[in-house]
Protein backbone atom coordinates (compact mmCIF):
# COMPACT_ATOMS: atom_id res chain seq x y z
CA MET A 1 0.00 0.00 0.00
CA ASP A 2 1.46 3.35 -0.95
CA GLN A 3 1.65 6.35 1.37
CA HIS A 4 -1.28 8.09 -0.33
CA GLN A 5 -3.63 5.16 0.13
CA TYR A 6 -2.50 4.81 3.73
CA LEU A 7 -3.31 8.50 4.28
CA VAL A 8 -6.78 8.06 2.76
CA ASN A 9 -7.36 4.98 4.93
CA GLU A 10 -6.44 6.94 8.07
CA TYR A 11 -8.95 9.66 7.23
CA GLN A 12 -11.58 7.03 6.50
CA LEU A 13 -10.91 5.58 9.96
CA ILE A 14 -11.36 9.01 11.56
CA LEU A 15 -14.56 9.49 9.58
CA SER A 16 -15.88 6.12 10.72
CA LEU A 17 -15.06 6.92 14.35
CA SER A 18 -16.71 10.34 14.12
CA GLU A 19 -19.85 8.75 12.67
CA GLN A 20 -19.90 6.25 15.53
CA MET A 21 -19.46 9.07 18.05
CA LEU A 22 -22.36 10.99 16.50
CA ARG A 23 -24.56 7.90 16.65
CA LEU A 24 -23.68 7.35 20.31
CA ALA A 25 -24.41 11.00 21.11
CA ASN A 26 -27.78 10.77 19.36
CA GLU A 27 -28.53 7.64 21.39
CA GLU A 28 -27.35 9.40 24.57
CA LYS A 29 -24.78 6.69 25.27
CA TRP A 30 -22.38 9.11 26.92
CA ASP A 31 -20.06 6.60 28.60
CA GLU A 32 -19.50 4.76 25.33
CA LEU A 33 -18.94 8.05 23.56
CA VAL A 34 -16.20 9.03 25.99
CA GLU A 35 -14.52 5.64 25.57
CA LEU A 36 -14.62 5.93 21.78
CA GLU A 37 -13.25 9.45 21.92
CA VAL A 38 -9.90 8.06 23.10
CA SER A 39 -9.56 6.04 19.89
CA TYR A 40 -10.71 9.03 17.86
CA VAL A 41 -8.07 11.33 19.34
CA LYS A 42 -5.35 8.71 18.76
CA ALA A 43 -6.41 8.35 15.12
CA VAL A 44 -6.37 12.12 14.63
CA GLU A 45 -2.91 12.33 16.20
CA ALA A 46 -1.66 9.57 13.91
CA THR A 47 -2.65 11.54 10.82
CA THR A 48 -0.52 14.49 11.91
CA LYS A 49 2.51 12.29 11.37
CA LEU A 50 1.47 11.64 7.77
CA PRO A 51 1.73 14.99 5.99
CA MET A 52 0.64 15.36 2.41
CA SER A 53 3.42 15.95 -0.07
CA GLU A 54 3.55 17.63 -3.44
CA GLN A 55 3.12 14.18 -4.96
CA THR A 56 -0.29 13.69 -3.35
CA SER A 57 -2.73 13.59 -6.21
CA ILE A 58 -5.59 16.05 -6.56
CA MET A 59 -7.99 13.12 -6.33
CA VAL A 60 -6.54 12.03 -2.97
CA GLN A 61 -6.58 15.64 -1.71
CA ASN A 62 -10.23 16.00 -2.75
CA ASP A 63 -11.12 12.75 -0.99
CA ILE A 64 -9.43 13.96 2.19
CA ARG A 65 -11.16 17.35 1.94
CA ARG A 66 -14.52 15.61 1.61
CA TYR A 67 -13.77 13.42 4.64
CA LEU A 68 -12.66 16.44 6.65
CA ARG A 69 -15.88 18.33 5.90
CA ILE A 70 -17.98 15.42 7.09
CA ILE A 71 -15.76 14.90 10.14
CA LEU A 72 -16.08 18.57 11.09
CA ASP A 73 -19.85 18.46 10.59
CA ASN A 74 -20.02 15.38 12.83
CA GLU A 75 -17.88 17.08 15.47
CA ASN A 76 -20.16 20.12 15.44
CA ALA A 77 -23.25 17.93 15.77
CA VAL A 78 -21.69 16.02 18.68
CA LYS A 79 -20.71 19.33 20.31
CA ILE A 80 -24.31 20.59 20.06
CA LEU A 81 -25.62 17.37 21.60
CA LEU A 82 -23.03 17.56 24.38
CA GLN A 83 -23.98 21.17 25.13
CA ALA A 84 -27.63 20.14 25.40
CA ARG A 85 -26.61 17.32 27.74
CA MET A 86 -24.57 19.71 29.88
CA LYS A 87 -27.56 22.06 30.12
CA LYS A 88 -29.78 19.19 31.20
CA LEU A 89 -27.25 18.06 33.81
CA THR A 90 -26.93 21.61 35.11
CA GLU A 91 -30.70 21.78 35.52
CA LEU A 92 -30.75 18.43 37.32
CA ILE A 93 -27.98 19.53 39.66
CA GLY A 94 -29.90 22.73 40.38
CA GLN A 95 -33.06 20.77 41.16
CA SER A 96 -31.10 18.40 43.37
CA ALA A 97 -29.56 21.29 45.30
CA LYS A 98 -33.01 22.84 45.80
CA GLN A 99 -34.42 19.50 46.98
CA GLN A 100 -31.54 19.06 49.38
CA GLN A 101 -32.15 22.53 50.80
CA VAL A 102 -35.87 21.80 51.25
CA ASN A 103 -35.05 18.52 52.99
CA MET A 104 -32.60 20.26 55.31
CA THR A 105 -35.13 22.99 56.12
CA TYR A 106 -37.94 20.55 56.89
CA GLY A 107 -35.53 18.32 58.76
CA LYS A 108 -34.99 21.09 61.28
CA ILE A 109 -38.68 21.35 62.07
CA ASP A 110 -39.91 19.20 64.92
CA LEU A 111 -42.92 17.48 63.38
CA ARG A 112 -44.24 16.47 66.81
CA THR A 113 -44.51 20.12 67.73
CA ILE A 114 -46.58 20.78 64.65
CA ALA A 115 -48.78 17.69 65.10
CA PHE A 116 -49.44 17.99 68.82
CA GLY A 117 -48.92 21.66 69.40
CA ASP A 118 -46.29 23.14 71.61
CA ARG A 119 -46.97 21.66 75.09
CA GLN A 120 -44.26 23.29 77.03
């Protein structure tokens, strides 16, 4: 396999991983997404060691450009889904904090005093 085909294969791998990450984000499988992200980052790092040369054909360059556009679109879609998830988690944390405060407040009240009146 020549260097150009190897380069195309690496970008195809990144594209495949980004598509899997987008699918996992759409399915709200956040733990699996995080695990897959490690492989994705490693694949991206590997491509930085494979620079294109002047001998890289226009066809190969166009293929890589097309892959990069799709990869970037997938990354943006995943980012939007992650931001929505973060917003939801922030709301849940806020609700939990409010519930905890209510529980602490009512925990301080002596329910027997309320039920039977203050008999002191």
